Amino acid sequence: MADLHDWGTGAAPKPSRPDYVPKVRLIPTTLDDLMNRAGVYADAAKAHLEYSAVQIWLMKDADKAIADAFIPVEAAGLSVLLTRQALEHEAGWPKLTSNAPPPLYDLPQDAQGIARRMAGDIHALWEAASRPYLRASDCKFAFQYLAAAVRKGIIPPIPTLGEVDPVPAAKPARPHILDMLKETT
């Protein structure tokens, strides 16, 4: 190994490991990793990501599977959307805008049950199709969404999420030199 001291030769020491890879990813790329970091929001993150993937699957590839299960396409999309919003609300998924109750709650009890059963059946079909569209980029977005909710003060800090600093108060901008000239003339 080369001597780590320069001793006046002008040769800088070589870094010991230029190809170092951290043992833990900074941003989760799998649902399991995200759920481990999401703390009390693990179930909410799971519902959000899985039903988002189910919605994408419905729009792109599910026509044959839905037709084979004798589920109308229009009812499938609506039931998955309404159930997704209700499951996220029940699990405590933070909302950055409004925390209004999901529209599924406005339906009669029997209609809510039908929508939830249909969404459950579609979720099972999605799982049988090997859970497509559950992407690493969606896990990253959900992680960043939770971090944004912590930053805005919507949810308390999550120790497993990592260091998330609150949004600092906006400082007033320094006056521009031309603005100062305008005021004196």
Protein backbone atom coordinates (compact mmCIF):
# COMPACT_ATOMS: atom_id res chain seq x y z
CA MET A 1 0.00 0.00 0.00
CA ALA A 2 1.23 3.49 -0.78
CA ASP A 3 2.27 5.79 2.01
CA LEU A 4 -0.64 8.08 2.96
CA HIS A 5 1.65 11.04 3.57
CA ASP A 6 2.78 13.36 0.80
CA TRP A 7 6.32 13.90 2.20
CA GLY A 8 6.88 16.60 -0.39
CA THR A 9 6.63 14.35 -3.45
CA GLY A 10 3.52 16.09 -4.78
CA ALA A 11 1.65 12.78 -5.08
CA ALA A 12 -1.72 12.80 -3.34
CA PRO A 13 -2.81 9.66 -1.51
CA LYS A 14 -5.17 7.34 -3.36
CA PRO A 15 -8.65 6.97 -1.89
CA SER A 16 -9.07 3.62 -0.19
CA ARG A 17 -12.42 2.66 -1.76
CA PRO A 18 -13.52 4.77 -4.74
CA ASP A 19 -16.33 2.30 -5.49
CA TYR A 20 -17.93 2.47 -2.03
CA VAL A 21 -21.63 1.70 -1.97
CA PRO A 22 -23.60 2.43 1.22
CA LYS A 23 -25.13 -0.61 2.93
CA VAL A 24 -28.57 1.01 3.10
CA ARG A 25 -30.28 2.86 0.28
CA LEU A 26 -31.05 6.48 1.07
CA ILE A 27 -34.44 6.23 -0.59
CA PRO A 28 -36.46 2.99 -0.47
CA THR A 29 -36.99 1.16 -3.75
CA THR A 30 -39.19 -1.69 -2.53
CA LEU A 31 -42.51 -1.79 -0.73
CA ASP A 32 -41.02 -3.75 2.17
CA ASP A 33 -38.23 -1.21 2.65
CA LEU A 34 -40.73 1.65 2.52
CA MET A 35 -43.00 -0.06 5.05
CA ASN A 36 -40.05 -0.58 7.41
CA ARG A 37 -39.23 3.13 7.24
CA ALA A 38 -42.82 4.44 7.30
CA GLY A 39 -43.38 3.52 10.94
CA VAL A 40 -47.03 3.91 11.92
CA TYR A 41 -47.85 4.84 8.31
CA ALA A 42 -46.74 1.43 6.95
CA ASP A 43 -50.27 0.14 6.34
CA ALA A 44 -51.28 3.44 4.77
CA ALA A 45 -48.23 3.37 2.47
CA LYS A 46 -49.03 -0.20 1.48
CA ALA A 47 -52.66 0.62 0.67
CA HIS A 48 -51.60 3.71 -1.28
CA LEU A 49 -48.94 1.94 -3.36
CA GLU A 50 -50.82 -1.28 -4.01
CA TYR A 51 -54.07 0.35 -5.05
CA SER A 52 -52.17 2.88 -7.19
CA ALA A 53 -50.58 -0.07 -8.99
CA VAL A 54 -53.99 -1.76 -9.31
CA GLN A 55 -55.41 1.40 -10.91
CA ILE A 56 -52.57 1.54 -13.44
CA TRP A 57 -52.99 -2.17 -14.16
CA LEU A 58 -56.72 -1.61 -14.74
CA MET A 59 -56.00 1.14 -17.26
CA LYS A 60 -53.33 -0.75 -19.17
CA ASP A 61 -53.47 -4.55 -18.96
CA ALA A 62 -56.46 -5.85 -17.02
CA ASP A 63 -59.07 -6.08 -19.77
CA LYS A 64 -58.86 -9.86 -20.22
CA ALA A 65 -58.64 -10.66 -16.50
CA ILE A 66 -61.59 -8.37 -15.69
CA ALA A 67 -63.67 -9.80 -18.54
CA ASP A 68 -62.89 -13.37 -17.43
CA ALA A 69 -64.09 -12.49 -13.91
CA PHE A 70 -67.31 -10.94 -15.37
CA ILE A 71 -66.61 -7.55 -13.79
CA PRO A 72 -67.77 -4.48 -15.77
CA VAL A 73 -64.79 -2.26 -16.56
CA GLU A 74 -66.53 0.98 -15.52
CA ALA A 75 -67.57 -0.47 -12.17
CA ALA A 76 -64.10 -1.90 -11.64
CA GLY A 77 -62.35 1.44 -12.06
CA LEU A 78 -64.81 3.29 -9.85
CA SER A 79 -64.81 0.69 -7.08
CA VAL A 80 -60.99 0.59 -6.97
CA LEU A 81 -60.78 4.40 -6.87
CA LEU A 82 -63.38 4.77 -4.10
CA THR A 83 -61.97 1.89 -2.07
CA ARG A 84 -58.41 3.18 -2.44
CA GLN A 85 -59.41 6.57 -1.05
CA ALA A 86 -61.31 4.96 1.83
CA LEU A 87 -58.48 2.57 2.74
CA GLU A 88 -55.94 5.39 2.68
CA HIS A 89 -58.20 7.49 4.91
CA GLU A 90 -58.80 4.61 7.34
CA ALA A 91 -55.08 3.79 7.56
CA GLY A 92 -54.17 7.45 8.15
CA TRP A 93 -52.39 8.33 4.90
CA PRO A 94 -51.57 12.04 5.31
CA LYS A 95 -53.25 14.53 3.02
CA LEU A 96 -51.27 17.60 2.03
CA THR A 97 -54.37 19.52 0.96
CA SER A 98 -57.69 18.70 2.65
CA ASN A 99 -58.64 15.90 4.98
CA ALA A 100 -62.23 15.55 3.74
CA PRO A 101 -63.80 12.10 4.12
CA PRO A 102 -63.69 9.93 1.00
CA PRO A 103 -66.73 9.84 -1.29
CA LEU A 104 -67.28 6.12 -0.59
CA TYR A 105 -68.71 7.07 2.80
CA ASP A 106 -71.52 9.01 1.07
CA LEU A 107 -72.90 5.79 -0.48
CA PRO A 108 -75.36 3.48 1.30
CA GLN A 109 -73.85 0.63 3.34
CA ASP A 110 -74.76 -2.07 0.79
CA ALA A 111 -73.16 -0.07 -2.06
CA GLN A 112 -70.03 0.45 0.06
CA GLY A 113 -69.85 -3.30 0.66
CA ILE A 114 -70.25 -4.07 -3.04
CA ALA A 115 -67.53 -1.57 -3.99
CA ARG A 116 -65.14 -2.94 -1.35
CA ARG A 117 -65.79 -6.57 -2.38
CA MET A 118 -65.29 -5.76 -6.05
CA ALA A 119 -62.07 -3.86 -5.30
CA GLY A 120 -60.89 -6.82 -3.20
CA ASP A 121 -61.60 -9.19 -6.09
CA ILE A 122 -59.71 -6.94 -8.49
CA HIS A 123 -56.83 -6.71 -6.01
CA ALA A 124 -56.73 -10.52 -5.93
CA LEU A 125 -56.64 -10.61 -9.75
CA TRP A 126 -53.79 -8.08 -9.67
CA GLU A 127 -51.86 -10.25 -7.22
CA ALA A 128 -52.47 -13.29 -9.43
CA ALA A 129 -50.98 -11.29 -12.32
CA SER A 130 -47.76 -11.02 -10.22
CA ARG A 131 -48.42 -7.50 -8.88
CA PRO A 132 -47.49 -5.43 -11.95
CA TYR A 133 -46.80 -1.68 -11.82
CA LEU A 134 -45.52 -1.74 -8.24
CA ARG A 135 -42.46 0.29 -9.20
CA ALA A 136 -39.42 1.59 -7.35
CA SER A 137 -40.22 5.12 -8.51
CA ASP A 138 -43.61 4.91 -6.76
CA CYS A 139 -41.90 3.80 -3.53
CA LYS A 140 -39.56 6.78 -3.83
CA PHE A 141 -42.50 9.14 -4.40
CA ALA A 142 -44.40 7.78 -1.38
CA PHE A 143 -41.25 8.20 0.75
CA GLN A 144 -40.84 11.79 -0.44
CA TYR A 145 -44.56 12.41 0.15
CA LEU A 146 -44.23 11.28 3.78
CA ALA A 147 -41.14 13.46 4.18
CA ALA A 148 -43.10 16.42 2.78
CA ALA A 149 -45.90 15.76 5.27
CA VAL A 150 -43.35 15.82 8.10
CA ARG A 151 -41.80 19.03 6.75
CA LYS A 152 -45.19 20.76 6.56
CA GLY A 153 -46.04 19.66 10.09
CA ILE A 154 -49.01 17.55 9.00
CA ILE A 155 -47.62 14.43 10.70
CA PRO A 156 -45.07 14.12 13.51
CA PRO A 157 -41.49 13.10 12.65
CA ILE A 158 -40.95 9.42 11.94
CA PRO A 159 -37.64 8.20 13.44
CA THR A 160 -37.16 5.51 10.78
CA LEU A 161 -37.76 7.97 7.94
CA GLY A 162 -34.45 9.70 8.54
CA GLU A 163 -33.51 13.26 9.24
CA VAL A 164 -36.22 15.51 7.84
CA ASP A 165 -35.80 19.14 8.68
CA PRO A 166 -38.91 21.31 8.95
CA VAL A 167 -39.41 23.94 6.29
CA PRO A 168 -37.62 27.06 7.51
CA ALA A 169 -39.56 30.29 7.79
CA ALA A 170 -39.24 32.41 4.71
CA LYS A 171 -36.75 35.23 5.14
CA PRO A 172 -37.58 38.54 3.55
CA ALA A 173 -35.65 39.10 0.37
CA ARG A 174 -32.84 41.60 0.46
CA PRO A 175 -33.69 44.73 -1.49
CA HIS A 176 -32.22 44.97 -4.94
CA ILE A 177 -29.86 47.86 -5.64
CA LEU A 178 -32.15 49.22 -8.35
CA ASP A 179 -35.09 49.26 -5.94
CA MET A 180 -33.10 51.44 -3.57
CA LEU A 181 -32.37 53.87 -6.39
CA LYS A 182 -36.08 54.10 -7.26
CA GLU A 183 -36.99 55.08 -3.72
CA THR A 184 -34.54 58.00 -3.60
CA THR A 185 -35.56 59.58 -6.89
